[in-house]
Amino acid sequence: MLDGETLQQELTNEFESEFEYELQNEYEVQHEYEGEEFLGGLIGGAMNALGLGEGEYEGEYEGEYESEYESEAFLSTVRRLAGRLKPILPKVIPHATRLIGNAIGGPQLGAALGQMMRESEYEFEYETAGQMEFEGGWAGEFESAATPQTEAVAEALAGAAAKAQNEAEAEAFAGAAVTRVLPTKAAAVQKQIPAIVKASAQLTRGLRQNPTTRPLVRILPTVAMRTGQVLTQKAAQGQQITRPVVAQVMAAQTRKALKNPMTAARIVANSAKVAQKVTQPAPVARKKVRG
């Protein structure tokens, strides 16, 4: 099993070597894959490249992740990542929200959202001051006792988007990741899925332009899932789900994921850990030899 030190080394490599790495295979995964088609063509090939082409990950997590996340080794990894992210996040947030606004509502909405986040930079500095060592500050709403299999596959796809060789592959991986976690029962939200996927693709492209921000592509499943949850709640309350509403909600969830370096680092580290579990090949069954 990957310990905290190994995870830290792999995530450090992701920052320093433009995120081309292979996580060490120190454990056996006792789950199997079931065949399915997924988003056709490019994404089908991408799933195969990830080792997911045989289908969705199956199995029970049995609380394994929760105990690991509470370990000091994992917290140490998160703190180190947070230290790397802290200087850049105040600039990343306005840029990311502007990209979301541009993709969903056009340049005017993008500029408005970007300016709104720029004006909150002082608030950002105030909020993050003294929080680097506050271990409880980043748990909150992003904490999950167990990772559903669909979320786990989404994390693997987001990791592939961060490391893809070209923009077309990266955006395909990102779209696949986002559609995995968005709700499909609320008709009003379902109609906006293409807009969220488009914004996610633009956000992926923007974050990949700088090696330091590439790992932040891994926040996409969390942002998309939270965006879908908020929009579903709004729809249930009778609010009309328009493109500006979608852009504002997605921008707000992006800011929540990035405004605290510890939260952002934890999402990235969590994503890398979960993705490693999912992308392991199914073990080959061994036949007992009778003497």
C-alpha atoms as a PDB file:
ATOM      1  CA  MET A   1       0.000   0.000   0.000  1.00  0.00           C
ATOM      2  CA  LEU A   2       1.190   3.517  -0.671  1.00  0.00           C
ATOM      3  CA  ASP A   3       2.320   5.190   2.535  1.00  0.00           C
ATOM      4  CA  GLY A   4       2.352   8.933   3.156  1.00  0.00           C
ATOM      5  CA  GLU A   5       6.015   9.275   2.174  1.00  0.00           C
ATOM      6  CA  THR A   6       5.478   7.541  -1.167  1.00  0.00           C
ATOM      7  CA  LEU A   7       2.392   9.631  -1.920  1.00  0.00           C
ATOM      8  CA  GLN A   8       4.321  12.796  -1.079  1.00  0.00           C
ATOM      9  CA  GLN A   9       7.111  11.814  -3.478  1.00  0.00           C
ATOM     10  CA  GLU A  10       4.674  11.103  -6.282  1.00  0.00           C
ATOM     11  CA  LEU A  11       2.823  14.390  -5.826  1.00  0.00           C
ATOM     12  CA  THR A  12       6.138  16.242  -5.642  1.00  0.00           C
ATOM     13  CA  ASN A  13       7.090  14.660  -8.946  1.00  0.00           C
ATOM     14  CA  GLU A  14       3.790  15.894 -10.337  1.00  0.00           C
ATOM     15  CA  PHE A  15       4.775  19.449  -9.471  1.00  0.00           C
ATOM     16  CA  GLU A  16       8.433  19.275 -10.496  1.00  0.00           C
ATOM     17  CA  SER A  17       8.426  16.976 -13.551  1.00  0.00           C
ATOM     18  CA  GLU A  18       5.341  18.291 -15.334  1.00  0.00           C
ATOM     19  CA  PHE A  19       3.294  15.526 -13.818  1.00  0.00           C
ATOM     20  CA  GLU A  20       4.581  12.580 -15.839  1.00  0.00           C
ATOM     21  CA  TYR A  21       4.915   9.816 -13.288  1.00  0.00           C
ATOM     22  CA  GLU A  22       3.857   6.319 -12.379  1.00  0.00           C
ATOM     23  CA  LEU A  23       2.633   5.606  -8.888  1.00  0.00           C
ATOM     24  CA  GLN A  24       4.367   2.631  -7.303  1.00  0.00           C
ATOM     25  CA  ASN A  25       2.376  -0.570  -7.208  1.00  0.00           C
ATOM     26  CA  GLU A  26       2.842  -1.689  -3.602  1.00  0.00           C
ATOM     27  CA  TYR A  27      -0.410  -3.489  -3.064  1.00  0.00           C
ATOM     28  CA  GLU A  28      -2.888  -5.780  -4.769  1.00  0.00           C
ATOM     29  CA  VAL A  29      -6.347  -4.581  -5.737  1.00  0.00           C
ATOM     30  CA  GLN A  30      -8.986  -7.203  -5.253  1.00  0.00           C
ATOM     31  CA  HIS A  31     -11.642  -5.797  -7.579  1.00  0.00           C
ATOM     32  CA  GLU A  32     -12.674  -6.612 -11.109  1.00  0.00           C
ATOM     33  CA  TYR A  33     -13.836  -4.551 -14.082  1.00  0.00           C
ATOM     34  CA  GLU A  34     -17.051  -4.924 -16.025  1.00  0.00           C
ATOM     35  CA  GLY A  35     -17.222  -3.999 -19.722  1.00  0.00           C
ATOM     36  CA  GLU A  36     -19.044  -0.869 -20.912  1.00  0.00           C
ATOM     37  CA  GLU A  37     -18.846   1.729 -23.639  1.00  0.00           C
ATOM     38  CA  PHE A  38     -18.023   5.246 -22.488  1.00  0.00           C
ATOM     39  CA  LEU A  39     -18.423   8.455 -24.464  1.00  0.00           C
ATOM     40  CA  GLY A  40     -17.114   6.766 -27.620  1.00  0.00           C
ATOM     41  CA  GLY A  41     -13.997   7.304 -29.728  1.00  0.00           C
ATOM     42  CA  LEU A  42     -11.315   9.345 -28.046  1.00  0.00           C
ATOM     43  CA  ILE A  43     -12.603   8.847 -24.527  1.00  0.00           C
ATOM     44  CA  GLY A  44     -12.980   5.118 -25.082  1.00  0.00           C
ATOM     45  CA  GLY A  45      -9.328   4.947 -26.009  1.00  0.00           C
ATOM     46  CA  ALA A  46      -8.444   7.173 -23.101  1.00  0.00           C
ATOM     47  CA  MET A  47     -10.239   4.851 -20.707  1.00  0.00           C
ATOM     48  CA  ASN A  48      -8.248   1.929 -22.103  1.00  0.00           C
ATOM     49  CA  ALA A  49      -5.031   3.848 -21.603  1.00  0.00           C
ATOM     50  CA  LEU A  50      -5.983   4.356 -17.973  1.00  0.00           C
ATOM     51  CA  GLY A  51      -6.760   0.693 -17.485  1.00  0.00           C
ATOM     52  CA  LEU A  52     -10.459   1.548 -17.196  1.00  0.00           C
ATOM     53  CA  GLY A  53     -11.512   0.357 -20.641  1.00  0.00           C
ATOM     54  CA  GLU A  54     -12.809  -2.870 -19.186  1.00  0.00           C
ATOM     55  CA  GLY A  55     -15.458  -0.967 -17.277  1.00  0.00           C
ATOM     56  CA  GLU A  56     -16.306   0.637 -13.975  1.00  0.00           C
ATOM     57  CA  TYR A  57     -14.405  -0.079 -10.811  1.00  0.00           C
ATOM     58  CA  GLU A  58     -16.313  -2.409  -8.536  1.00  0.00           C
ATOM     59  CA  GLY A  59     -15.930  -3.245  -4.904  1.00  0.00           C
ATOM     60  CA  GLU A  60     -16.221  -1.910  -1.381  1.00  0.00           C
ATOM     61  CA  TYR A  61     -13.818   0.518   0.188  1.00  0.00           C
ATOM     62  CA  GLU A  62     -14.526  -0.647   3.766  1.00  0.00           C
ATOM     63  CA  GLY A  63     -13.568   2.688   5.307  1.00  0.00           C
ATOM     64  CA  GLU A  64      -9.955   2.323   4.189  1.00  0.00           C
ATOM     65  CA  TYR A  65      -9.567   5.852   2.864  1.00  0.00           C
ATOM     66  CA  GLU A  66     -10.983   7.547   5.922  1.00  0.00           C
ATOM     67  CA  SER A  67      -8.358   6.088   8.252  1.00  0.00           C
ATOM     68  CA  GLU A  68      -5.536   6.869   5.834  1.00  0.00           C
ATOM     69  CA  TYR A  69      -6.594  10.485   5.434  1.00  0.00           C
ATOM     70  CA  GLU A  70      -6.456  10.952   9.189  1.00  0.00           C
ATOM     71  CA  SER A  71      -2.875   9.692   9.400  1.00  0.00           C
ATOM     72  CA  GLU A  72      -0.024  12.058  10.146  1.00  0.00           C
ATOM     73  CA  ALA A  73       1.737  10.975   6.945  1.00  0.00           C
ATOM     74  CA  PHE A  74      -1.196  12.092   4.825  1.00  0.00           C
ATOM     75  CA  LEU A  75      -1.502  15.367   6.728  1.00  0.00           C
ATOM     76  CA  SER A  76       2.206  15.980   6.185  1.00  0.00           C
ATOM     77  CA  THR A  77       1.729  15.483   2.459  1.00  0.00           C
ATOM     78  CA  VAL A  78      -1.161  17.926   2.432  1.00  0.00           C
ATOM     79  CA  ARG A  79       0.796  20.557   4.364  1.00  0.00           C
ATOM     80  CA  ARG A  80       3.702  20.392   1.925  1.00  0.00           C
ATOM     81  CA  LEU A  81       1.406  20.710  -1.064  1.00  0.00           C
ATOM     82  CA  ALA A  82      -0.403  23.588   0.616  1.00  0.00           C
ATOM     83  CA  GLY A  83       2.894  25.390   1.072  1.00  0.00           C
ATOM     84  CA  ARG A  84       3.533  25.156  -2.665  1.00  0.00           C
ATOM     85  CA  LEU A  85       0.031  26.308  -3.559  1.00  0.00           C
ATOM     86  CA  LYS A  86      -0.362  29.195  -1.109  1.00  0.00           C
ATOM     87  CA  PRO A  87       1.567  31.846  -3.127  1.00  0.00           C
ATOM     88  CA  ILE A  88      -0.285  31.179  -6.386  1.00  0.00           C
ATOM     89  CA  LEU A  89      -3.904  30.615  -5.376  1.00  0.00           C
ATOM     90  CA  PRO A  90      -4.870  34.314  -5.004  1.00  0.00           C
ATOM     91  CA  LYS A  91      -4.014  34.775  -8.694  1.00  0.00           C
ATOM     92  CA  VAL A  92      -5.440  31.450  -9.857  1.00  0.00           C
ATOM     93  CA  ILE A  93      -8.933  32.064  -8.470  1.00  0.00           C
ATOM     94  CA  PRO A  94      -9.824  35.166 -10.564  1.00  0.00           C
ATOM     95  CA  HIS A  95      -8.327  33.562 -13.660  1.00  0.00           C
ATOM     96  CA  ALA A  96     -10.249  30.312 -13.129  1.00  0.00           C
ATOM     97  CA  THR A  97     -13.567  32.035 -12.498  1.00  0.00           C
ATOM     98  CA  ARG A  98     -13.099  34.251 -15.549  1.00  0.00           C
ATOM     99  CA  LEU A  99     -12.568  31.151 -17.693  1.00  0.00           C
ATOM    100  CA  ILE A 100     -15.757  29.627 -16.292  1.00  0.00           C
ATOM    101  CA  GLY A 101     -17.755  32.781 -17.000  1.00  0.00           C
ATOM    102  CA  ASN A 102     -16.360  33.080 -20.522  1.00  0.00           C
ATOM    103  CA  ALA A 103     -17.213  29.474 -21.346  1.00  0.00           C
ATOM    104  CA  ILE A 104     -20.765  29.568 -20.018  1.00  0.00           C
ATOM    105  CA  GLY A 105     -21.952  33.148 -20.449  1.00  0.00           C
ATOM    106  CA  GLY A 106     -19.444  34.920 -22.673  1.00  0.00           C
ATOM    107  CA  PRO A 107     -16.733  37.554 -22.069  1.00  0.00           C
ATOM    108  CA  GLN A 108     -18.957  39.988 -20.173  1.00  0.00           C
ATOM    109  CA  LEU A 109     -19.932  37.455 -17.534  1.00  0.00           C
ATOM    110  CA  GLY A 110     -16.373  36.153 -17.417  1.00  0.00           C
ATOM    111  CA  ALA A 111     -14.996  39.629 -16.778  1.00  0.00           C
ATOM    112  CA  ALA A 112     -17.577  40.262 -14.062  1.00  0.00           C
ATOM    113  CA  LEU A 113     -16.789  37.030 -12.231  1.00  0.00           C
ATOM    114  CA  GLY A 114     -13.053  37.575 -12.569  1.00  0.00           C
ATOM    115  CA  GLN A 115     -13.306  41.093 -11.188  1.00  0.00           C
ATOM    116  CA  MET A 116     -15.457  39.898  -8.306  1.00  0.00           C
ATOM    117  CA  MET A 117     -12.783  37.390  -7.317  1.00  0.00           C
ATOM    118  CA  ARG A 118      -9.986  39.935  -7.730  1.00  0.00           C
ATOM    119  CA  GLU A 119     -11.724  42.249  -5.296  1.00  0.00           C
ATOM    120  CA  SER A 120     -11.787  39.394  -2.779  1.00  0.00           C
ATOM    121  CA  GLU A 121      -7.986  38.924  -2.788  1.00  0.00           C
ATOM    122  CA  TYR A 122      -7.642  40.813   0.501  1.00  0.00           C
ATOM    123  CA  GLU A 123     -10.313  38.594   1.991  1.00  0.00           C
ATOM    124  CA  PHE A 124      -8.387  35.579   0.663  1.00  0.00           C
ATOM    125  CA  GLU A 125      -5.198  36.684   2.393  1.00  0.00           C
ATOM    126  CA  TYR A 126      -7.085  37.300   5.628  1.00  0.00           C
ATOM    127  CA  GLU A 127      -8.832  33.925   5.489  1.00  0.00           C
ATOM    128  CA  THR A 128      -5.668  31.935   4.811  1.00  0.00           C
ATOM    129  CA  ALA A 129      -3.431  33.737   7.311  1.00  0.00           C
ATOM    130  CA  GLY A 130      -2.616  31.285  10.096  1.00  0.00           C
ATOM    131  CA  GLN A 131      -4.577  28.437   8.516  1.00  0.00           C
ATOM    132  CA  MET A 132      -1.627  26.475   7.165  1.00  0.00           C
ATOM    133  CA  GLU A 133      -1.230  24.578  10.425  1.00  0.00           C
ATOM    134  CA  PHE A 134      -4.920  24.370  11.231  1.00  0.00           C
ATOM    135  CA  GLU A 135      -5.702  20.777  10.366  1.00  0.00           C
ATOM    136  CA  GLY A 136      -9.430  21.046  10.931  1.00  0.00           C
ATOM    137  CA  GLY A 137      -9.920  24.056   8.705  1.00  0.00           C
ATOM    138  CA  TRP A 138      -9.833  22.108   5.472  1.00  0.00           C
ATOM    139  CA  ALA A 139     -11.946  19.110   6.447  1.00  0.00           C
ATOM    140  CA  GLY A 140     -15.485  20.501   6.493  1.00  0.00           C
ATOM    141  CA  GLU A 141     -17.728  20.114   3.512  1.00  0.00           C
ATOM    142  CA  PHE A 142     -15.114  18.450   1.309  1.00  0.00           C
ATOM    143  CA  GLU A 143     -14.706  15.533   3.724  1.00  0.00           C
ATOM    144  CA  SER A 144     -16.198  12.226   2.665  1.00  0.00           C
ATOM    145  CA  ALA A 145     -16.287   9.076   4.781  1.00  0.00           C
ATOM    146  CA  ALA A 146     -16.256   6.865   1.684  1.00  0.00           C
ATOM    147  CA  THR A 147     -15.590   7.440  -1.992  1.00  0.00           C
ATOM    148  CA  PRO A 148     -18.304   6.083  -4.303  1.00  0.00           C
ATOM    149  CA  GLN A 149     -16.975   4.126  -7.253  1.00  0.00           C
ATOM    150  CA  THR A 150     -18.189   6.719  -9.756  1.00  0.00           C
ATOM    151  CA  GLU A 151     -16.307   9.455  -7.929  1.00  0.00           C
ATOM    152  CA  ALA A 152     -13.200   7.274  -7.832  1.00  0.00           C
ATOM    153  CA  VAL A 153     -13.259   6.791 -11.604  1.00  0.00           C
ATOM    154  CA  ALA A 154     -13.775  10.544 -12.008  1.00  0.00           C
ATOM    155  CA  GLU A 155     -10.658  11.208  -9.927  1.00  0.00           C
ATOM    156  CA  ALA A 156      -8.634   8.886 -12.151  1.00  0.00           C
ATOM    157  CA  LEU A 157      -9.878  10.699 -15.239  1.00  0.00           C
ATOM    158  CA  ALA A 158      -9.054  14.089 -13.723  1.00  0.00           C
ATOM    159  CA  GLY A 159      -5.529  12.892 -13.012  1.00  0.00           C
ATOM    160  CA  ALA A 160      -5.239  11.771 -16.625  1.00  0.00           C
ATOM    161  CA  ALA A 161      -6.422  15.206 -17.750  1.00  0.00           C
ATOM    162  CA  ALA A 162      -3.635  16.825 -15.729  1.00  0.00           C
ATOM    163  CA  LYS A 163      -0.997  14.585 -17.303  1.00  0.00           C
ATOM    164  CA  ALA A 164      -2.319  14.269 -20.873  1.00  0.00           C
ATOM    165  CA  GLN A 165       0.120  14.893 -23.719  1.00  0.00           C
ATOM    166  CA  ASN A 166      -2.138  17.294 -25.632  1.00  0.00           C
ATOM    167  CA  GLU A 167      -5.100  19.578 -25.058  1.00  0.00           C
ATOM    168  CA  ALA A 168      -7.614  17.434 -26.948  1.00  0.00           C
ATOM    169  CA  GLU A 169      -6.903  14.442 -24.722  1.00  0.00           C
ATOM    170  CA  ALA A 170      -6.879  16.593 -21.596  1.00  0.00           C
ATOM    171  CA  GLU A 171     -10.258  18.113 -22.370  1.00  0.00           C
ATOM    172  CA  ALA A 172     -11.718  14.716 -23.234  1.00  0.00           C
ATOM    173  CA  PHE A 173     -10.536  13.290 -19.916  1.00  0.00           C
ATOM    174  CA  ALA A 174     -11.897  16.339 -18.080  1.00  0.00           C
ATOM    175  CA  GLY A 175     -15.289  16.040 -19.747  1.00  0.00           C
ATOM    176  CA  ALA A 176     -15.450  12.363 -18.874  1.00  0.00           C
ATOM    177  CA  ALA A 177     -14.552  13.103 -15.253  1.00  0.00           C
ATOM    178  CA  VAL A 178     -17.188  15.797 -14.893  1.00  0.00           C
ATOM    179  CA  THR A 179     -20.030  13.812 -16.448  1.00  0.00           C
ATOM    180  CA  ARG A 180     -19.299  10.992 -14.013  1.00  0.00           C
ATOM    181  CA  VAL A 181     -20.251  13.030 -10.970  1.00  0.00           C
ATOM    182  CA  LEU A 182     -22.952  15.399 -12.237  1.00  0.00           C
ATOM    183  CA  PRO A 183     -26.539  14.544 -11.215  1.00  0.00           C
ATOM    184  CA  THR A 184     -28.819  13.319 -13.976  1.00  0.00           C
ATOM    185  CA  LYS A 185     -32.209  13.177 -12.239  1.00  0.00           C
ATOM    186  CA  ALA A 186     -32.979  16.906 -12.161  1.00  0.00           C
ATOM    187  CA  ALA A 187     -34.067  17.855 -15.687  1.00  0.00           C
ATOM    188  CA  ALA A 188     -33.164  21.519 -15.225  1.00  0.00           C
ATOM    189  CA  VAL A 189     -29.630  20.588 -14.204  1.00  0.00           C
ATOM    190  CA  GLN A 190     -29.300  17.938 -16.889  1.00  0.00           C
ATOM    191  CA  LYS A 191     -29.914  20.594 -19.538  1.00  0.00           C
ATOM    192  CA  GLN A 192     -26.913  22.540 -18.236  1.00  0.00           C
ATOM    193  CA  ILE A 193     -24.445  19.636 -18.245  1.00  0.00           C
ATOM    194  CA  PRO A 194     -22.994  20.653 -21.649  1.00  0.00           C
ATOM    195  CA  ALA A 195     -22.301  24.142 -20.257  1.00  0.00           C
ATOM    196  CA  ILE A 196     -20.548  22.707 -17.195  1.00  0.00           C
ATOM    197  CA  VAL A 197     -18.505  20.343 -19.369  1.00  0.00           C
ATOM    198  CA  LYS A 198     -17.520  23.246 -21.632  1.00  0.00           C
ATOM    199  CA  ALA A 199     -16.447  25.332 -18.647  1.00  0.00           C
ATOM    200  CA  SER A 200     -14.492  22.391 -17.245  1.00  0.00           C
ATOM    201  CA  ALA A 201     -12.665  22.010 -20.558  1.00  0.00           C
ATOM    202  CA  GLN A 202     -11.712  25.693 -20.551  1.00  0.00           C
ATOM    203  CA  LEU A 203     -10.609  25.488 -16.944  1.00  0.00           C
ATOM    204  CA  THR A 204      -8.502  22.439 -17.757  1.00  0.00           C
ATOM    205  CA  ARG A 205      -6.833  24.249 -20.640  1.00  0.00           C
ATOM    206  CA  GLY A 206      -6.103  27.282 -18.471  1.00  0.00           C
ATOM    207  CA  LEU A 207      -4.680  25.341 -15.532  1.00  0.00           C
ATOM    208  CA  ARG A 208      -2.469  23.209 -17.777  1.00  0.00           C
ATOM    209  CA  GLN A 209      -0.694  26.261 -19.213  1.00  0.00           C
ATOM    210  CA  ASN A 210       1.489  26.561 -16.114  1.00  0.00           C
ATOM    211  CA  PRO A 211       3.313  23.508 -14.701  1.00  0.00           C
ATOM    212  CA  THR A 212       2.699  24.774 -11.174  1.00  0.00           C
ATOM    213  CA  THR A 213      -1.077  24.823 -11.633  1.00  0.00           C
ATOM    214  CA  ARG A 214      -1.432  21.590 -13.603  1.00  0.00           C
ATOM    215  CA  PRO A 215      -2.171  19.445 -10.526  1.00  0.00           C
ATOM    216  CA  LEU A 216      -5.158  21.699  -9.788  1.00  0.00           C
ATOM    217  CA  VAL A 217      -6.957  20.067 -12.711  1.00  0.00           C
ATOM    218  CA  ARG A 218      -7.648  17.377 -10.114  1.00  0.00           C
ATOM    219  CA  ILE A 219     -10.174  19.651  -8.383  1.00  0.00           C
ATOM    220  CA  LEU A 220     -12.618  19.287 -11.288  1.00  0.00           C
ATOM    221  CA  PRO A 221     -14.626  16.309  -9.954  1.00  0.00           C
ATOM    222  CA  THR A 222     -15.088  18.037  -6.590  1.00  0.00           C
ATOM    223  CA  VAL A 223     -16.117  21.326  -8.208  1.00  0.00           C
ATOM    224  CA  ALA A 224     -18.491  19.615 -10.633  1.00  0.00           C
ATOM    225  CA  MET A 225     -20.089  17.461  -7.945  1.00  0.00           C
ATOM    226  CA  ARG A 226     -20.645  20.431  -5.623  1.00  0.00           C
ATOM    227  CA  THR A 227     -21.938  22.545  -8.496  1.00  0.00           C
ATOM    228  CA  GLY A 228     -24.437  19.860  -9.420  1.00  0.00           C
ATOM    229  CA  GLN A 229     -25.586  19.509  -5.821  1.00  0.00           C
ATOM    230  CA  VAL A 230     -26.156  23.247  -5.396  1.00  0.00           C
ATOM    231  CA  LEU A 231     -27.974  23.553  -8.725  1.00  0.00           C
ATOM    232  CA  THR A 232     -30.176  20.578  -7.860  1.00  0.00           C
ATOM    233  CA  GLN A 233     -31.122  22.239  -4.571  1.00  0.00           C
ATOM    234  CA  LYS A 234     -31.928  25.488  -6.352  1.00  0.00           C
ATOM    235  CA  ALA A 235     -34.065  23.671  -8.919  1.00  0.00           C
ATOM    236  CA  ALA A 236     -35.951  21.887  -6.129  1.00  0.00           C
ATOM    237  CA  GLN A 237     -36.673  25.286  -4.584  1.00  0.00           C
ATOM    238  CA  GLY A 238     -38.206  26.463  -7.846  1.00  0.00           C
ATOM    239  CA  GLN A 239     -35.345  28.662  -9.009  1.00  0.00           C
ATOM    240  CA  GLN A 240     -34.755  28.831 -12.742  1.00  0.00           C
ATOM    241  CA  ILE A 241     -31.403  27.309 -13.689  1.00  0.00           C
ATOM    242  CA  THR A 242     -30.036  29.709 -16.291  1.00  0.00           C
ATOM    243  CA  ARG A 243     -26.534  29.893 -17.711  1.00  0.00           C
ATOM    244  CA  PRO A 244     -25.571  32.885 -15.516  1.00  0.00           C
ATOM    245  CA  VAL A 245     -26.751  30.949 -12.461  1.00  0.00           C
ATOM    246  CA  VAL A 246     -24.682  27.935 -13.517  1.00  0.00           C
ATOM    247  CA  ALA A 247     -21.612  30.119 -14.046  1.00  0.00           C
ATOM    248  CA  GLN A 248     -21.999  31.841 -10.683  1.00  0.00           C
ATOM    249  CA  VAL A 249     -22.458  28.564  -8.811  1.00  0.00           C
ATOM    250  CA  MET A 250     -19.521  26.877 -10.546  1.00  0.00           C
ATOM    251  CA  ALA A 251     -17.309  29.913  -9.938  1.00  0.00           C
ATOM    252  CA  ALA A 252     -18.298  29.937  -6.262  1.00  0.00           C
ATOM    253  CA  GLN A 253     -17.519  26.236  -5.871  1.00  0.00           C
ATOM    254  CA  THR A 254     -14.172  26.710  -7.607  1.00  0.00           C
ATOM    255  CA  ARG A 255     -13.319  29.502  -5.185  1.00  0.00           C
ATOM    256  CA  LYS A 256     -14.324  27.309  -2.231  1.00  0.00           C
ATOM    257  CA  ALA A 257     -12.001  24.571  -3.452  1.00  0.00           C
ATOM    258  CA  LEU A 258      -9.081  26.969  -3.911  1.00  0.00           C
ATOM    259  CA  LYS A 259      -9.397  29.754  -1.347  1.00  0.00           C
ATOM    260  CA  ASN A 260      -7.758  27.747   1.462  1.00  0.00           C
ATOM    261  CA  PRO A 261      -4.413  26.154   0.465  1.00  0.00           C
ATOM    262  CA  MET A 262      -5.030  23.249   2.840  1.00  0.00           C
ATOM    263  CA  THR A 263      -8.386  22.506   1.222  1.00  0.00           C
ATOM    264  CA  ALA A 264      -6.928  22.681  -2.276  1.00  0.00           C
ATOM    265  CA  ALA A 265      -3.966  20.502  -1.307  1.00  0.00           C
ATOM    266  CA  ARG A 266      -6.177  17.939   0.336  1.00  0.00           C
ATOM    267  CA  ILE A 267      -8.392  17.669  -2.750  1.00  0.00           C
ATOM    268  CA  VAL A 268      -5.337  17.154  -4.970  1.00  0.00           C
ATOM    269  CA  ALA A 269      -3.745  14.592  -2.642  1.00  0.00           C
ATOM    270  CA  ASN A 270      -7.040  12.787  -2.130  1.00  0.00           C
ATOM    271  CA  SER A 271      -7.578  12.627  -5.886  1.00  0.00           C
ATOM    272  CA  ALA A 272      -4.122  11.160  -6.506  1.00  0.00           C
ATOM    273  CA  LYS A 273      -4.612   8.540  -3.796  1.00  0.00           C
ATOM    274  CA  VAL A 274      -8.049   7.462  -4.971  1.00  0.00           C
ATOM    275  CA  ALA A 275      -7.006   7.427  -8.623  1.00  0.00           C
ATOM    276  CA  GLN A 276      -4.117   5.086  -7.833  1.00  0.00           C
ATOM    277  CA  LYS A 277      -6.517   2.593  -6.300  1.00  0.00           C
ATOM    278  CA  VAL A 278      -8.840   2.681  -9.297  1.00  0.00           C
ATOM    279  CA  THR A 279      -6.260   2.386 -12.059  1.00  0.00           C
ATOM    280  CA  GLN A 280      -4.590  -0.763 -10.765  1.00  0.00           C
ATOM    281  CA  PRO A 281      -5.166  -3.775 -13.050  1.00  0.00           C
ATOM    282  CA  ALA A 282      -7.332  -6.549 -11.725  1.00  0.00           C
ATOM    283  CA  PRO A 283      -5.177  -9.302 -10.195  1.00  0.00           C
ATOM    284  CA  VAL A 284      -4.819 -12.515 -12.144  1.00  0.00           C
ATOM    285  CA  ALA A 285      -6.503 -15.401 -10.413  1.00  0.00           C
ATOM    286  CA  ARG A 286      -4.038 -18.064  -9.366  1.00  0.00           C
ATOM    287  CA  LYS A 287      -4.969 -21.681  -9.734  1.00  0.00           C
ATOM    288  CA  LYS A 288      -4.082 -23.961  -6.898  1.00  0.00           C
ATOM    289  CA  VAL A 289      -1.725 -26.727  -7.894  1.00  0.00           C
ATOM    290  CA  ARG A 290      -2.570 -30.025  -6.344  1.00  0.00           C
ATOM    291  CA  GLY A 291       0.364 -32.040  -5.107  1.00  0.00           C
END
